[in-house]
């Protein structure tokens, strides 16, 4: 069963309307040049930085800062967009575009734009800054050796690792939205992470009563994603309904939901093309907690041996989304980076 990228045209059309820069996002995935594109984009950004900028942006690959990720408003290490020149900021966005698919870059741009909207809704625009997002580069960006980088701010933490000779590994990849649905103003009704909610609810509603009972792990949703900003994402057990207990039509919705997350990055598009053949349906579980009615608190996750997706919408009267993609084998480079060090002279 193959799920095609049926949203590409819609994404690019929306990008042109909402974020003209997003229309330039790289949409090609799974080609050997994708990693080189990221490395070249990182090198171009570094070349534009003065000594002070490099001091903020650059870390060694072994620095513990690489694992210091979070998605809440807080002080951060790295070089902020607010501290960049116009040329440097454009280069930073070029780097983000090189790593993201068109749909992923559109979502990231939307999350940053939501900061401005949230400030207006709160009546405290000075508290929410769409330039309070940081770039941190770990190691020497190269198409040959290992390196990593992070783009992070409120509700957005995108961590990329590039073991030598491999495409960029993505994870953790957090995306949030507050408000999940813009309640008023010029963008009233806008839902940047709407498909993540709609696909999961459609899957729940497609279940027969006995399937829904098996998928439901709690009547009340937790207040946030369970793995938080843990360095290593782990759950005690697989819970919910396995994919092999679903109909073919239901599995198609499930894989479209997984694609909505994995397809946010260029490397994820290639990964998604393989996963449907490599992971048995018995290994993928879908679990739900809370109400299935729109506007009420809910949580879900998709859990497989190789990955974990979590989604929670309970805060601010269920109008505040937290979602995350975790690569259970290769977060922060994980097994792929470890294999590189075992097979090279880096010890």
C-alpha atoms as a PDB file:
ATOM      1  CA  UNK A   1       0.000   0.000   0.000  1.00  0.00           C
ATOM      2  CA  UNK A   2       1.568   3.245  -1.117  1.00  0.00           C
ATOM      3  CA  UNK A   3       0.309   6.668  -0.033  1.00  0.00           C
ATOM      4  CA  UNK A   4       1.158   9.370  -2.560  1.00  0.00           C
ATOM      5  CA  UNK A   5       1.872  13.011  -1.758  1.00  0.00           C
ATOM      6  CA  UNK A   6      -1.567  14.231  -2.736  1.00  0.00           C
ATOM      7  CA  UNK A   7      -1.212  17.498  -0.883  1.00  0.00           C
ATOM      8  CA  UNK A   8       1.741  18.996  -2.772  1.00  0.00           C
ATOM      9  CA  UNK A   9      -0.295  21.227  -5.065  1.00  0.00           C
ATOM     10  CA  UNK A  10      -2.515  22.417  -2.229  1.00  0.00           C
ATOM     11  CA  UNK A  11       0.490  23.174  -0.054  1.00  0.00           C
ATOM     12  CA  UNK A  12       2.312  25.212  -2.675  1.00  0.00           C
ATOM     13  CA  UNK A  13      -0.868  27.162  -3.520  1.00  0.00           C
ATOM     14  CA  UNK A  14      -1.434  27.979   0.150  1.00  0.00           C
ATOM     15  CA  UNK A  15       2.226  28.872   0.588  1.00  0.00           C
ATOM     16  CA  UNK A  16       2.038  31.512  -2.108  1.00  0.00           C
ATOM     17  CA  UNK A  17      -0.978  33.102  -0.412  1.00  0.00           C
ATOM     18  CA  UNK A  18       0.154  32.962   3.215  1.00  0.00           C
ATOM     19  CA  UNK A  19       3.953  32.998   3.128  1.00  0.00           C
ATOM     20  CA  UNK A  20       5.545  33.980  -0.204  1.00  0.00           C
ATOM     21  CA  UNK A  21       8.953  32.781   1.005  1.00  0.00           C
ATOM     22  CA  UNK A  22       7.546  29.333   1.751  1.00  0.00           C
ATOM     23  CA  UNK A  23       6.810  28.786  -1.929  1.00  0.00           C
ATOM     24  CA  UNK A  24      10.565  28.427  -2.411  1.00  0.00           C
ATOM     25  CA  UNK A  25      10.783  25.428  -0.069  1.00  0.00           C
ATOM     26  CA  UNK A  26      12.527  22.353  -1.434  1.00  0.00           C
ATOM     27  CA  UNK A  27       9.986  19.606  -2.020  1.00  0.00           C
ATOM     28  CA  UNK A  28      12.227  16.857  -3.413  1.00  0.00           C
ATOM     29  CA  UNK A  29      13.046  14.068  -0.987  1.00  0.00           C
ATOM     30  CA  UNK A  30      14.996  10.856  -0.981  1.00  0.00           C
ATOM     31  CA  UNK A  31      17.746  11.912  -3.386  1.00  0.00           C
ATOM     32  CA  UNK A  32      21.429  11.720  -2.421  1.00  0.00           C
ATOM     33  CA  UNK A  33      21.775  15.458  -2.991  1.00  0.00           C
ATOM     34  CA  UNK A  34      19.362  16.320  -0.163  1.00  0.00           C
ATOM     35  CA  UNK A  35      22.020  16.011   2.549  1.00  0.00           C
ATOM     36  CA  UNK A  36      24.557  17.943   0.474  1.00  0.00           C
ATOM     37  CA  UNK A  37      21.992  20.708   0.025  1.00  0.00           C
ATOM     38  CA  UNK A  38      21.656  21.033   3.808  1.00  0.00           C
ATOM     39  CA  UNK A  39      25.426  21.026   4.262  1.00  0.00           C
ATOM     40  CA  UNK A  40      25.903  23.659   1.566  1.00  0.00           C
ATOM     41  CA  UNK A  41      23.151  25.821   3.061  1.00  0.00           C
ATOM     42  CA  UNK A  42      24.756  25.564   6.514  1.00  0.00           C
ATOM     43  CA  UNK A  43      28.167  26.442   5.091  1.00  0.00           C
ATOM     44  CA  UNK A  44      26.659  29.490   3.364  1.00  0.00           C
ATOM     45  CA  UNK A  45      25.155  30.696   6.645  1.00  0.00           C
ATOM     46  CA  UNK A  46      28.399  30.182   8.592  1.00  0.00           C
ATOM     47  CA  UNK A  47      30.336  32.115   5.936  1.00  0.00           C
ATOM     48  CA  UNK A  48      28.131  35.148   6.593  1.00  0.00           C
ATOM     49  CA  UNK A  49      28.683  35.212  10.346  1.00  0.00           C
ATOM     50  CA  UNK A  50      31.203  37.418  12.100  1.00  0.00           C
ATOM     51  CA  UNK A  51      33.198  36.185  15.074  1.00  0.00           C
ATOM     52  CA  UNK A  52      30.457  37.069  17.568  1.00  0.00           C
ATOM     53  CA  UNK A  53      27.830  35.320  15.473  1.00  0.00           C
ATOM     54  CA  UNK A  54      29.945  32.192  15.173  1.00  0.00           C
ATOM     55  CA  UNK A  55      30.507  32.195  18.915  1.00  0.00           C
ATOM     56  CA  UNK A  56      26.721  32.027  19.399  1.00  0.00           C
ATOM     57  CA  UNK A  57      25.798  29.676  16.571  1.00  0.00           C
ATOM     58  CA  UNK A  58      28.569  27.066  16.512  1.00  0.00           C
ATOM     59  CA  UNK A  59      29.120  24.163  18.898  1.00  0.00           C
ATOM     60  CA  UNK A  60      31.161  20.999  18.788  1.00  0.00           C
ATOM     61  CA  UNK A  61      29.276  17.859  17.767  1.00  0.00           C
ATOM     62  CA  UNK A  62      29.992  16.385  21.201  1.00  0.00           C
ATOM     63  CA  UNK A  63      28.549  19.378  23.079  1.00  0.00           C
ATOM     64  CA  UNK A  64      25.737  18.438  25.478  1.00  0.00           C
ATOM     65  CA  UNK A  65      23.851  21.477  24.181  1.00  0.00           C
ATOM     66  CA  UNK A  66      22.777  19.313  21.259  1.00  0.00           C
ATOM     67  CA  UNK A  67      20.385  17.488  23.581  1.00  0.00           C
ATOM     68  CA  UNK A  68      19.133  20.642  25.344  1.00  0.00           C
ATOM     69  CA  UNK A  69      15.920  20.923  23.361  1.00  0.00           C
ATOM     70  CA  UNK A  70      12.524  22.269  24.386  1.00  0.00           C
ATOM     71  CA  UNK A  71       9.353  23.783  22.937  1.00  0.00           C
ATOM     72  CA  UNK A  72       8.305  26.295  25.607  1.00  0.00           C
ATOM     73  CA  UNK A  73       9.167  30.022  25.723  1.00  0.00           C
ATOM     74  CA  UNK A  74      12.535  30.215  27.498  1.00  0.00           C
ATOM     75  CA  UNK A  75      16.088  31.467  27.088  1.00  0.00           C
ATOM     76  CA  UNK A  76      17.984  29.493  24.467  1.00  0.00           C
ATOM     77  CA  UNK A  77      21.481  28.990  23.180  1.00  0.00           C
ATOM     78  CA  UNK A  78      22.289  29.598  19.539  1.00  0.00           C
ATOM     79  CA  UNK A  79      22.023  32.586  17.221  1.00  0.00           C
ATOM     80  CA  UNK A  80      18.549  34.190  17.207  1.00  0.00           C
ATOM     81  CA  UNK A  81      16.870  35.461  14.065  1.00  0.00           C
ATOM     82  CA  UNK A  82      16.575  38.799  15.867  1.00  0.00           C
ATOM     83  CA  UNK A  83      20.381  39.007  16.043  1.00  0.00           C
ATOM     84  CA  UNK A  84      20.940  38.325  12.343  1.00  0.00           C
ATOM     85  CA  UNK A  85      21.339  40.681   9.439  1.00  0.00           C
ATOM     86  CA  UNK A  86      18.828  40.458   6.618  1.00  0.00           C
ATOM     87  CA  UNK A  87      21.275  38.409   4.566  1.00  0.00           C
ATOM     88  CA  UNK A  88      22.022  36.059   7.456  1.00  0.00           C
ATOM     89  CA  UNK A  89      18.317  35.580   8.193  1.00  0.00           C
ATOM     90  CA  UNK A  90      17.688  34.684   4.551  1.00  0.00           C
ATOM     91  CA  UNK A  91      20.504  32.130   4.743  1.00  0.00           C
ATOM     92  CA  UNK A  92      19.011  30.656   7.925  1.00  0.00           C
ATOM     93  CA  UNK A  93      15.682  30.187   6.173  1.00  0.00           C
ATOM     94  CA  UNK A  94      17.505  28.674   3.185  1.00  0.00           C
ATOM     95  CA  UNK A  95      18.950  26.100   5.571  1.00  0.00           C
ATOM     96  CA  UNK A  96      15.499  25.339   6.966  1.00  0.00           C
ATOM     97  CA  UNK A  97      14.092  25.016   3.448  1.00  0.00           C
ATOM     98  CA  UNK A  98      16.847  22.581   2.492  1.00  0.00           C
ATOM     99  CA  UNK A  99      15.825  20.240   5.306  1.00  0.00           C
ATOM    100  CA  UNK A 100      12.040  20.578   5.067  1.00  0.00           C
ATOM    101  CA  UNK A 101       9.503  19.506   2.482  1.00  0.00           C
ATOM    102  CA  UNK A 102       7.150  22.155   1.130  1.00  0.00           C
ATOM    103  CA  UNK A 103       4.421  21.140   3.600  1.00  0.00           C
ATOM    104  CA  UNK A 104       6.891  21.104   6.501  1.00  0.00           C
ATOM    105  CA  UNK A 105       8.324  24.519   5.689  1.00  0.00           C
ATOM    106  CA  UNK A 106       4.818  25.938   5.382  1.00  0.00           C
ATOM    107  CA  UNK A 107       3.923  24.564   8.829  1.00  0.00           C
ATOM    108  CA  UNK A 108       7.123  25.924  10.406  1.00  0.00           C
ATOM    109  CA  UNK A 109       6.468  29.348   8.885  1.00  0.00           C
ATOM    110  CA  UNK A 110       2.886  29.242  10.159  1.00  0.00           C
ATOM    111  CA  UNK A 111       3.960  28.374  13.704  1.00  0.00           C
ATOM    112  CA  UNK A 112       6.315  31.364  13.724  1.00  0.00           C
ATOM    113  CA  UNK A 113       3.525  33.593  12.409  1.00  0.00           C
ATOM    114  CA  UNK A 114       1.236  32.349  15.191  1.00  0.00           C
ATOM    115  CA  UNK A 115       3.543  34.013  17.714  1.00  0.00           C
ATOM    116  CA  UNK A 116       2.514  37.387  16.331  1.00  0.00           C
ATOM    117  CA  UNK A 117      -1.169  36.421  16.376  1.00  0.00           C
ATOM    118  CA  UNK A 118      -0.947  35.021  19.909  1.00  0.00           C
ATOM    119  CA  UNK A 119       0.612  38.250  21.155  1.00  0.00           C
ATOM    120  CA  UNK A 120      -2.277  40.247  19.724  1.00  0.00           C
ATOM    121  CA  UNK A 121      -4.892  37.876  21.169  1.00  0.00           C
ATOM    122  CA  UNK A 122      -3.245  38.082  24.602  1.00  0.00           C
ATOM    123  CA  UNK A 123      -2.991  41.854  24.378  1.00  0.00           C
ATOM    124  CA  UNK A 124       0.770  41.554  24.984  1.00  0.00           C
ATOM    125  CA  UNK A 125       2.429  41.653  21.563  1.00  0.00           C
ATOM    126  CA  UNK A 126       5.808  42.436  23.131  1.00  0.00           C
ATOM    127  CA  UNK A 127       5.785  39.037  24.872  1.00  0.00           C
ATOM    128  CA  UNK A 128       5.575  37.043  21.636  1.00  0.00           C
ATOM    129  CA  UNK A 129       8.414  37.597  19.193  1.00  0.00           C
ATOM    130  CA  UNK A 130       8.460  35.839  15.787  1.00  0.00           C
ATOM    131  CA  UNK A 131      12.194  36.553  15.627  1.00  0.00           C
ATOM    132  CA  UNK A 132      12.879  34.702  18.898  1.00  0.00           C
ATOM    133  CA  UNK A 133      13.924  31.534  17.060  1.00  0.00           C
ATOM    134  CA  UNK A 134      17.463  30.199  17.191  1.00  0.00           C
ATOM    135  CA  UNK A 135      19.876  28.369  14.912  1.00  0.00           C
ATOM    136  CA  UNK A 136      22.551  26.142  16.438  1.00  0.00           C
ATOM    137  CA  UNK A 137      25.048  24.155  14.355  1.00  0.00           C
ATOM    138  CA  UNK A 138      27.003  21.265  15.845  1.00  0.00           C
ATOM    139  CA  UNK A 139      30.225  20.138  14.220  1.00  0.00           C
ATOM    140  CA  UNK A 140      31.496  21.080  10.777  1.00  0.00           C
ATOM    141  CA  UNK A 141      28.724  21.091   8.129  1.00  0.00           C
ATOM    142  CA  UNK A 142      29.918  18.674   5.472  1.00  0.00           C
ATOM    143  CA  UNK A 143      28.633  16.177   2.925  1.00  0.00           C
ATOM    144  CA  UNK A 144      31.372  13.818   4.150  1.00  0.00           C
ATOM    145  CA  UNK A 145      31.593  13.956   7.958  1.00  0.00           C
ATOM    146  CA  UNK A 146      28.959  13.939  10.697  1.00  0.00           C
ATOM    147  CA  UNK A 147      27.303  17.136  11.887  1.00  0.00           C
ATOM    148  CA  UNK A 148      23.968  18.315  13.246  1.00  0.00           C
ATOM    149  CA  UNK A 149      21.889  21.439  13.613  1.00  0.00           C
ATOM    150  CA  UNK A 150      18.755  22.755  15.312  1.00  0.00           C
ATOM    151  CA  UNK A 151      16.104  25.374  14.581  1.00  0.00           C
ATOM    152  CA  UNK A 152      14.153  26.167  17.730  1.00  0.00           C
ATOM    153  CA  UNK A 153      11.807  28.568  19.455  1.00  0.00           C
ATOM    154  CA  UNK A 154       8.347  28.547  21.015  1.00  0.00           C
ATOM    155  CA  UNK A 155       6.347  25.596  19.660  1.00  0.00           C
ATOM    156  CA  UNK A 156       9.037  24.637  17.180  1.00  0.00           C
ATOM    157  CA  UNK A 157      12.050  22.404  17.754  1.00  0.00           C
ATOM    158  CA  UNK A 158      13.531  20.759  14.669  1.00  0.00           C
ATOM    159  CA  UNK A 159      16.639  18.671  15.241  1.00  0.00           C
ATOM    160  CA  UNK A 160      18.637  17.325  12.298  1.00  0.00           C
ATOM    161  CA  UNK A 161      21.605  14.969  12.374  1.00  0.00           C
ATOM    162  CA  UNK A 162      23.761  13.972   9.410  1.00  0.00           C
ATOM    163  CA  UNK A 163      25.924  10.892   9.927  1.00  0.00           C
ATOM    164  CA  UNK A 164      28.534  10.626   7.171  1.00  0.00           C
ATOM    165  CA  UNK A 165      27.300   9.196   3.908  1.00  0.00           C
ATOM    166  CA  UNK A 166      23.654   9.372   4.919  1.00  0.00           C
ATOM    167  CA  UNK A 167      20.743  11.681   4.386  1.00  0.00           C
ATOM    168  CA  UNK A 168      19.780  13.950   7.274  1.00  0.00           C
ATOM    169  CA  UNK A 169      18.098  12.171  10.177  1.00  0.00           C
ATOM    170  CA  UNK A 170      15.227  14.115  11.729  1.00  0.00           C
ATOM    171  CA  UNK A 171      14.285  13.956  15.384  1.00  0.00           C
ATOM    172  CA  UNK A 172      13.050  15.090  17.715  1.00  0.00           C
ATOM    173  CA  UNK A 173      10.711  17.223  15.604  1.00  0.00           C
ATOM    174  CA  UNK A 174       8.194  19.195  17.655  1.00  0.00           C
ATOM    175  CA  UNK A 175       5.462  21.407  16.232  1.00  0.00           C
ATOM    176  CA  UNK A 176       2.825  23.229  18.259  1.00  0.00           C
ATOM    177  CA  UNK A 177       0.060  25.713  17.599  1.00  0.00           C
ATOM    178  CA  UNK A 178      -1.536  28.242  19.941  1.00  0.00           C
ATOM    179  CA  UNK A 179      -4.199  28.966  18.991  1.00  0.00           C
ATOM    180  CA  UNK A 180      -4.877  25.724  17.168  1.00  0.00           C
ATOM    181  CA  UNK A 181      -7.733  27.521  15.418  1.00  0.00           C
ATOM    182  CA  UNK A 182      -7.397  31.296  15.155  1.00  0.00           C
ATOM    183  CA  UNK A 183     -10.643  32.618  16.715  1.00  0.00           C
ATOM    184  CA  UNK A 184     -10.820  36.103  15.206  1.00  0.00           C
ATOM    185  CA  UNK A 185      -9.103  38.654  13.028  1.00  0.00           C
ATOM    186  CA  UNK A 186      -7.917  38.482   9.405  1.00  0.00           C
ATOM    187  CA  UNK A 187      -6.886  34.814   9.780  1.00  0.00           C
ATOM    188  CA  UNK A 188      -9.964  33.659  11.696  1.00  0.00           C
ATOM    189  CA  UNK A 189     -10.476  29.912  11.277  1.00  0.00           C
ATOM    190  CA  UNK A 190      -6.848  29.268  10.289  1.00  0.00           C
ATOM    191  CA  UNK A 191      -5.561  25.884  11.534  1.00  0.00           C
ATOM    192  CA  UNK A 192      -1.860  25.382  10.696  1.00  0.00           C
ATOM    193  CA  UNK A 193      -1.858  21.848  12.181  1.00  0.00           C
ATOM    194  CA  UNK A 194      -5.414  20.984  11.233  1.00  0.00           C
ATOM    195  CA  UNK A 195      -4.731  17.819   9.245  1.00  0.00           C
ATOM    196  CA  UNK A 196      -2.945  16.214  12.184  1.00  0.00           C
ATOM    197  CA  UNK A 197      -6.200  16.531  14.124  1.00  0.00           C
ATOM    198  CA  UNK A 198      -8.655  15.786  11.327  1.00  0.00           C
ATOM    199  CA  UNK A 199      -6.989  12.605  10.069  1.00  0.00           C
ATOM    200  CA  UNK A 200      -6.746  11.102  13.559  1.00  0.00           C
ATOM    201  CA  UNK A 201     -10.377  11.924  14.350  1.00  0.00           C
ATOM    202  CA  UNK A 202     -11.490  10.495  11.000  1.00  0.00           C
ATOM    203  CA  UNK A 203      -9.663   7.281  11.862  1.00  0.00           C
ATOM    204  CA  UNK A 204     -11.348   7.069  15.280  1.00  0.00           C
ATOM    205  CA  UNK A 205     -14.764   7.679  13.764  1.00  0.00           C
ATOM    206  CA  UNK A 206     -14.178   4.962  11.169  1.00  0.00           C
ATOM    207  CA  UNK A 207     -13.730   2.311  13.854  1.00  0.00           C
ATOM    208  CA  UNK A 208     -16.437  -0.145  14.755  1.00  0.00           C
ATOM    209  CA  UNK A 209     -17.427  -0.026  18.459  1.00  0.00           C
ATOM    210  CA  UNK A 210     -15.107  -2.865  19.454  1.00  0.00           C
ATOM    211  CA  UNK A 211     -12.202  -1.271  17.551  1.00  0.00           C
ATOM    212  CA  UNK A 212     -12.832   2.116  19.158  1.00  0.00           C
ATOM    213  CA  UNK A 213     -12.939   0.539  22.603  1.00  0.00           C
ATOM    214  CA  UNK A 214      -9.597  -1.115  21.982  1.00  0.00           C
ATOM    215  CA  UNK A 215      -8.025   2.084  20.633  1.00  0.00           C
ATOM    216  CA  UNK A 216      -9.215   4.194  23.585  1.00  0.00           C
ATOM    217  CA  UNK A 217      -6.667   4.093  26.409  1.00  0.00           C
ATOM    218  CA  UNK A 218      -8.289   6.737  28.659  1.00  0.00           C
ATOM    219  CA  UNK A 219     -11.524   8.711  28.804  1.00  0.00           C
ATOM    220  CA  UNK A 220      -9.617  11.854  29.757  1.00  0.00           C
ATOM    221  CA  UNK A 221      -6.689  13.177  27.747  1.00  0.00           C
ATOM    222  CA  UNK A 222      -3.367  13.923  29.475  1.00  0.00           C
ATOM    223  CA  UNK A 223      -2.427  17.572  29.857  1.00  0.00           C
ATOM    224  CA  UNK A 224       0.521  17.276  27.464  1.00  0.00           C
ATOM    225  CA  UNK A 225       2.529  14.824  25.369  1.00  0.00           C
ATOM    226  CA  UNK A 226       3.841  12.114  27.670  1.00  0.00           C
ATOM    227  CA  UNK A 227       7.476  12.112  26.557  1.00  0.00           C
ATOM    228  CA  UNK A 228       7.873  15.877  26.975  1.00  0.00           C
ATOM    229  CA  UNK A 229      11.358  17.020  26.051  1.00  0.00           C
ATOM    230  CA  UNK A 230      13.008  13.785  27.190  1.00  0.00           C
ATOM    231  CA  UNK A 231      16.390  13.118  25.643  1.00  0.00           C
ATOM    232  CA  UNK A 232      15.273   9.547  24.942  1.00  0.00           C
ATOM    233  CA  UNK A 233      11.600   8.919  24.180  1.00  0.00           C
ATOM    234  CA  UNK A 234      10.341   5.731  25.758  1.00  0.00           C
ATOM    235  CA  UNK A 235       6.900   4.388  26.666  1.00  0.00           C
ATOM    236  CA  UNK A 236       6.362   1.329  28.836  1.00  0.00           C
ATOM    237  CA  UNK A 237       4.266  -0.599  26.326  1.00  0.00           C
ATOM    238  CA  UNK A 238       2.457  -0.525  23.008  1.00  0.00           C
ATOM    239  CA  UNK A 239      -1.174   0.385  23.642  1.00  0.00           C
ATOM    240  CA  UNK A 240      -4.250   0.873  21.522  1.00  0.00           C
ATOM    241  CA  UNK A 241      -5.359  -0.767  18.292  1.00  0.00           C
ATOM    242  CA  UNK A 242      -2.718  -2.438  16.088  1.00  0.00           C
ATOM    243  CA  UNK A 243      -2.862  -1.732  12.380  1.00  0.00           C
ATOM    244  CA  UNK A 244      -3.446  -5.385  11.569  1.00  0.00           C
ATOM    245  CA  UNK A 245      -6.781  -5.121  13.420  1.00  0.00           C
ATOM    246  CA  UNK A 246      -7.888  -2.370  11.023  1.00  0.00           C
ATOM    247  CA  UNK A 247      -9.499  -2.615   7.616  1.00  0.00           C
ATOM    248  CA  UNK A 248      -7.514  -1.693   4.509  1.00  0.00           C
ATOM    249  CA  UNK A 249      -9.356   1.638   4.358  1.00  0.00           C
ATOM    250  CA  UNK A 250      -8.545   2.381   7.987  1.00  0.00           C
ATOM    251  CA  UNK A 251      -4.879   1.509   7.500  1.00  0.00           C
ATOM    252  CA  UNK A 252      -4.805   3.920   4.566  1.00  0.00           C
ATOM    253  CA  UNK A 253      -5.966   6.727   6.892  1.00  0.00           C
ATOM    254  CA  UNK A 254      -3.389   5.673   9.489  1.00  0.00           C
ATOM    255  CA  UNK A 255      -0.533   5.795   6.974  1.00  0.00           C
ATOM    256  CA  UNK A 256      -1.746   9.143   5.689  1.00  0.00           C
ATOM    257  CA  UNK A 257      -1.577  10.388   9.277  1.00  0.00           C
ATOM    258  CA  UNK A 258       1.989   9.076   9.643  1.00  0.00           C
ATOM    259  CA  UNK A 259       2.850  10.727   6.320  1.00  0.00           C
ATOM    260  CA  UNK A 260       1.571  14.047   7.679  1.00  0.00           C
ATOM    261  CA  UNK A 261       4.416  13.932  10.213  1.00  0.00           C
ATOM    262  CA  UNK A 262       7.167  12.067   8.376  1.00  0.00           C
ATOM    263  CA  UNK A 263       6.517  14.078   5.223  1.00  0.00           C
ATOM    264  CA  UNK A 264       7.497  17.351   6.890  1.00  0.00           C
ATOM    265  CA  UNK A 265      11.157  16.827   5.968  1.00  0.00           C
ATOM    266  CA  UNK A 266      13.020  15.798   2.846  1.00  0.00           C
ATOM    267  CA  UNK A 267      14.540  12.794   4.610  1.00  0.00           C
ATOM    268  CA  UNK A 268      11.113  11.844   5.957  1.00  0.00           C
ATOM    269  CA  UNK A 269       9.626  11.612   2.482  1.00  0.00           C
ATOM    270  CA  UNK A 270      12.194   8.983   1.565  1.00  0.00           C
ATOM    271  CA  UNK A 271      11.726   7.183   4.882  1.00  0.00           C
ATOM    272  CA  UNK A 272       7.953   7.079   4.375  1.00  0.00           C
ATOM    273  CA  UNK A 273       8.379   5.410   0.996  1.00  0.00           C
ATOM    274  CA  UNK A 274      10.118   2.496   2.727  1.00  0.00           C
ATOM    275  CA  UNK A 275       8.264   2.129   6.002  1.00  0.00           C
ATOM    276  CA  UNK A 276       5.039   0.671   4.614  1.00  0.00           C
ATOM    277  CA  UNK A 277       6.996  -2.310   3.296  1.00  0.00           C
ATOM    278  CA  UNK A 278       9.389  -2.719   6.226  1.00  0.00           C
ATOM    279  CA  UNK A 279       7.170  -2.434   9.323  1.00  0.00           C
ATOM    280  CA  UNK A 280       4.486  -5.124   9.757  1.00  0.00           C
ATOM    281  CA  UNK A 281       1.016  -3.846  10.503  1.00  0.00           C
ATOM    282  CA  UNK A 282       1.105  -5.677  13.835  1.00  0.00           C
ATOM    283  CA  UNK A 283       3.936  -3.394  14.965  1.00  0.00           C
ATOM    284  CA  UNK A 284       2.070  -0.087  14.563  1.00  0.00           C
ATOM    285  CA  UNK A 285      -0.426   0.881  17.286  1.00  0.00           C
ATOM    286  CA  UNK A 286      -2.894   3.767  17.337  1.00  0.00           C
ATOM    287  CA  UNK A 287      -4.096   4.991  20.734  1.00  0.00           C
ATOM    288  CA  UNK A 288      -6.591   7.722  21.668  1.00  0.00           C
ATOM    289  CA  UNK A 289      -7.538   9.444  24.924  1.00  0.00           C
ATOM    290  CA  UNK A 290     -10.331  11.940  25.596  1.00  0.00           C
ATOM    291  CA  UNK A 291     -13.274  13.060  23.510  1.00  0.00           C
ATOM    292  CA  UNK A 292     -13.641  12.527  19.774  1.00  0.00           C
ATOM    293  CA  UNK A 293     -15.770  15.669  19.453  1.00  0.00           C
ATOM    294  CA  UNK A 294     -14.143  18.757  17.904  1.00  0.00           C
ATOM    295  CA  UNK A 295     -13.357  21.459  20.439  1.00  0.00           C
ATOM    296  CA  UNK A 296     -12.940  19.021  23.327  1.00  0.00           C
ATOM    297  CA  UNK A 297      -9.695  17.799  24.868  1.00  0.00           C
ATOM    298  CA  UNK A 298      -8.043  14.861  23.150  1.00  0.00           C
ATOM    299  CA  UNK A 299      -4.744  13.048  22.770  1.00  0.00           C
ATOM    300  CA  UNK A 300      -3.463  10.378  20.415  1.00  0.00           C
ATOM    301  CA  UNK A 301      -0.289   8.596  19.522  1.00  0.00           C
ATOM    302  CA  UNK A 302       1.025   6.313  16.808  1.00  0.00           C
ATOM    303  CA  UNK A 303       3.657   3.989  18.238  1.00  0.00           C
ATOM    304  CA  UNK A 304       5.882   1.551  16.361  1.00  0.00           C
ATOM    305  CA  UNK A 305       9.289   0.025  17.173  1.00  0.00           C
ATOM    306  CA  UNK A 306      11.012   2.605  14.986  1.00  0.00           C
ATOM    307  CA  UNK A 307       9.034   5.774  15.698  1.00  0.00           C
ATOM    308  CA  UNK A 308       6.583   7.547  17.986  1.00  0.00           C
ATOM    309  CA  UNK A 309       4.075  10.275  17.177  1.00  0.00           C
ATOM    310  CA  UNK A 310       2.329  12.105  20.013  1.00  0.00           C
ATOM    311  CA  UNK A 311      -0.371  14.753  19.737  1.00  0.00           C
ATOM    312  CA  UNK A 312      -2.160  16.591  22.549  1.00  0.00           C
ATOM    313  CA  UNK A 313      -4.831  19.296  22.370  1.00  0.00           C
ATOM    314  CA  UNK A 314      -6.125  20.010  25.863  1.00  0.00           C
ATOM    315  CA  UNK A 315      -4.756  23.393  26.945  1.00  0.00           C
ATOM    316  CA  UNK A 316      -6.590  26.712  26.485  1.00  0.00           C
ATOM    317  CA  UNK A 317      -9.981  24.987  26.196  1.00  0.00           C
ATOM    318  CA  UNK A 318      -8.618  22.464  23.704  1.00  0.00           C
ATOM    319  CA  UNK A 319      -7.311  25.129  21.340  1.00  0.00           C
ATOM    320  CA  UNK A 320      -3.578  24.598  21.877  1.00  0.00           C
ATOM    321  CA  UNK A 321      -1.745  21.780  20.098  1.00  0.00           C
ATOM    322  CA  UNK A 322       1.487  20.042  21.014  1.00  0.00           C
ATOM    323  CA  UNK A 323       2.762  17.379  18.612  1.00  0.00           C
ATOM    324  CA  UNK A 324       6.035  15.549  18.203  1.00  0.00           C
ATOM    325  CA  UNK A 325       7.783  13.053  15.948  1.00  0.00           C
ATOM    326  CA  UNK A 326      10.402  10.877  17.640  1.00  0.00           C
ATOM    327  CA  UNK A 327      12.743   8.535  15.787  1.00  0.00           C
ATOM    328  CA  UNK A 328      13.207   5.810  18.391  1.00  0.00           C
ATOM    329  CA  UNK A 329      16.377   4.554  16.735  1.00  0.00           C
ATOM    330  CA  UNK A 330      17.994   7.720  15.408  1.00  0.00           C
ATOM    331  CA  UNK A 331      16.886  10.755  17.448  1.00  0.00           C
ATOM    332  CA  UNK A 332      19.889  13.110  17.590  1.00  0.00           C
ATOM    333  CA  UNK A 333      21.606  10.804  15.099  1.00  0.00           C
ATOM    334  CA  UNK A 334      21.221   7.854  17.469  1.00  0.00           C
ATOM    335  CA  UNK A 335      22.180   4.461  16.090  1.00  0.00           C
ATOM    336  CA  UNK A 336      23.234   5.909  12.722  1.00  0.00           C
ATOM    337  CA  UNK A 337      25.764   8.264  14.315  1.00  0.00           C
ATOM    338  CA  UNK A 338      26.990   5.535  16.667  1.00  0.00           C
ATOM    339  CA  UNK A 339      27.619   3.261  13.693  1.00  0.00           C
ATOM    340  CA  UNK A 340      29.612   6.016  12.014  1.00  0.00           C
ATOM    341  CA  UNK A 341      31.921   6.352  15.008  1.00  0.00           C
ATOM    342  CA  UNK A 342      32.352   2.579  15.267  1.00  0.00           C
ATOM    343  CA  UNK A 343      33.353   2.357  11.605  1.00  0.00           C
ATOM    344  CA  UNK A 344      35.652   5.403  11.525  1.00  0.00           C
ATOM    345  CA  UNK A 345      38.697   6.757  13.318  1.00  0.00           C
ATOM    346  CA  UNK A 346      36.555   9.006  15.581  1.00  0.00           C
ATOM    347  CA  UNK A 347      36.796   7.425  19.028  1.00  0.00           C
END
